[in-house]
Amino acid sequence: MAANEISWDASTKDRMLRLSEHLLCQRNYFPVYPPSTDTNLDLELNEEFGGMSTSPHLLVMSSNFNQFIKSGNKTVCCNPGRLCKGEGGGTYLRMVIDSIANCDSVIDSVKAQVIRI
């Protein structure tokens, strides 16, 4: 996704938060459109199931990137990493969410940590 960015102000945001915000701003779980020709993506199903009608309070994206927990645009974005890495243990996400009934944002109600196995 970073390779498809046209421009950005690298001094204002870290890379992982910026890439997470692309998902939120484009309201699609597959934000790079049109996809590259070698991507296995059913565009009809993506139109039906790939979109976000509202911004989520919490977005968990497991990937090979470094683990992170970031907040932006009233959303907590997390990458717990991989549970298994080769023959060794990986990482997972532990999260506690307090009652958010009286909050505008879930950011103040979340306690999260990435734990290494």
Protein backbone atom coordinates (compact mmCIF):
# COMPACT_ATOMS: atom_id res chain seq x y z
CA MET A 1 0.00 0.00 0.00
CA ALA A 2 2.86 2.37 0.78
CA ALA A 3 4.22 1.94 -2.74
CA ASN A 4 0.94 3.34 -4.10
CA GLU A 5 1.01 6.57 -2.08
CA ILE A 6 1.31 9.64 -4.26
CA SER A 7 2.45 12.10 -1.60
CA TRP A 8 2.57 12.49 2.17
CA ASP A 9 4.08 14.64 4.85
CA ALA A 10 6.46 12.20 6.52
CA SER A 11 7.24 14.61 9.36
CA THR A 12 3.69 14.67 10.76
CA LYS A 13 2.72 11.01 11.10
CA ASP A 14 4.42 7.71 11.47
CA ARG A 15 4.16 5.33 8.55
CA MET A 16 1.99 2.63 10.17
CA LEU A 17 -0.65 5.08 11.37
CA ARG A 18 -0.70 6.77 7.97
CA LEU A 19 -1.23 3.44 6.18
CA SER A 20 -3.96 2.47 8.65
CA GLU A 21 -5.71 5.76 8.03
CA HIS A 22 -5.81 4.98 4.30
CA LEU A 23 -8.07 2.03 5.12
CA LEU A 24 -10.31 4.25 7.22
CA CYS A 25 -10.48 7.20 4.81
CA GLN A 26 -11.22 5.08 1.76
CA ARG A 27 -13.72 2.98 3.75
CA ASN A 28 -12.59 -0.19 2.06
CA TYR A 29 -10.67 -3.17 3.39
CA PHE A 30 -8.78 -3.25 0.10
CA PRO A 31 -7.83 0.42 -0.35
CA VAL A 32 -5.60 0.18 -3.41
CA TYR A 33 -7.88 0.57 -6.41
CA PRO A 34 -7.54 -0.53 -9.08
CA PRO A 35 -5.62 -3.54 -7.75
CA SER A 36 -2.51 -4.79 -9.48
CA THR A 37 -3.11 -7.46 -12.12
CA ASP A 38 -1.52 -10.22 -10.01
CA THR A 39 -3.88 -9.61 -7.06
CA ASN A 40 -6.52 -12.28 -6.53
CA LEU A 41 -9.54 -10.05 -5.81
CA ASP A 42 -13.17 -10.61 -6.79
CA LEU A 43 -14.29 -7.06 -7.53
CA GLU A 44 -18.01 -7.89 -7.41
CA LEU A 45 -17.69 -9.42 -3.94
CA ASN A 46 -15.41 -6.59 -2.86
CA GLU A 47 -18.09 -4.04 -3.75
CA GLU A 48 -20.65 -6.00 -1.73
CA PHE A 49 -18.57 -7.03 1.30
CA GLY A 50 -15.32 -5.04 1.22
CA GLY A 51 -16.65 -1.64 2.18
CA MET A 52 -17.08 0.00 5.56
CA SER A 53 -20.32 1.93 5.94
CA THR A 54 -18.97 3.61 9.09
CA SER A 55 -15.55 3.98 10.63
CA PRO A 56 -14.88 1.27 13.20
CA HIS A 57 -13.90 2.05 16.78
CA LEU A 58 -11.28 -0.71 16.60
CA LEU A 59 -9.35 -2.01 13.59
CA VAL A 60 -7.16 -5.11 14.06
CA MET A 61 -4.95 -5.99 11.10
CA SER A 62 -2.56 -8.90 11.46
CA SER A 63 0.42 -8.59 9.13
CA ASN A 64 4.15 -9.16 8.76
CA PHE A 65 4.87 -5.51 9.60
CA ASN A 66 6.18 -4.61 13.04
CA GLN A 67 3.56 -4.78 15.77
CA PHE A 68 1.87 -1.52 16.71
CA ILE A 69 -1.05 0.02 18.57
CA LYS A 70 -1.92 3.50 17.28
CA SER A 71 -4.89 5.81 17.51
CA GLY A 72 -6.19 8.22 14.93
CA ASN A 73 -9.52 9.53 13.60
CA LYS A 74 -11.37 8.15 16.67
CA THR A 75 -10.18 4.62 15.83
CA VAL A 76 -7.66 2.39 17.60
CA CYS A 77 -5.58 0.59 14.95
CA CYS A 78 -3.62 -2.50 16.00
CA ASN A 79 -1.27 -4.93 14.32
CA PRO A 80 -0.52 -7.81 16.69
CA GLY A 81 1.88 -9.39 14.20
CA ARG A 82 1.88 -13.15 13.67
CA LEU A 83 1.17 -15.74 16.36
CA CYS A 84 3.81 -18.07 14.91
CA LYS A 85 7.01 -17.08 13.17
CA GLY A 86 8.79 -20.06 11.70
CA GLU A 87 9.51 -22.53 14.50
CA GLY A 88 9.48 -19.88 17.22
CA GLY A 89 6.68 -18.06 18.93
CA GLY A 90 5.30 -14.82 17.63
CA THR A 91 3.11 -12.16 19.21
CA TYR A 92 -0.54 -11.64 20.05
CA LEU A 93 -2.75 -8.77 21.19
CA ARG A 94 -4.27 -8.48 24.66
CA MET A 95 -6.98 -5.85 24.91
CA VAL A 96 -9.37 -4.58 27.58
CA ILE A 97 -12.20 -2.26 26.53
CA ASP A 98 -14.04 -0.40 29.28
CA SER A 99 -17.64 0.63 28.88
CA ILE A 100 -17.83 3.24 26.13
CA ALA A 101 -21.49 4.16 26.41
CA ASN A 102 -20.72 7.72 27.56
CA CYS A 103 -17.67 8.34 25.36
CA ASP A 104 -17.44 9.91 21.92
CA SER A 105 -14.29 7.94 21.20
CA VAL A 106 -13.15 4.48 22.20
CA ILE A 107 -9.54 5.68 22.41
CA ASP A 108 -9.84 6.63 26.08
CA SER A 109 -11.50 3.29 26.93
CA VAL A 110 -8.95 0.87 25.46
CA LYS A 111 -5.97 -0.70 27.19
CA ALA A 112 -3.96 -2.85 24.80
CA GLN A 113 -0.58 -4.51 24.62
CA VAL A 114 1.25 -6.75 22.19
CA ILE A 115 2.65 -9.80 23.99
CA ARG A 116 5.55 -11.90 22.73
CA ILE A 117 5.27 -15.69 23.14
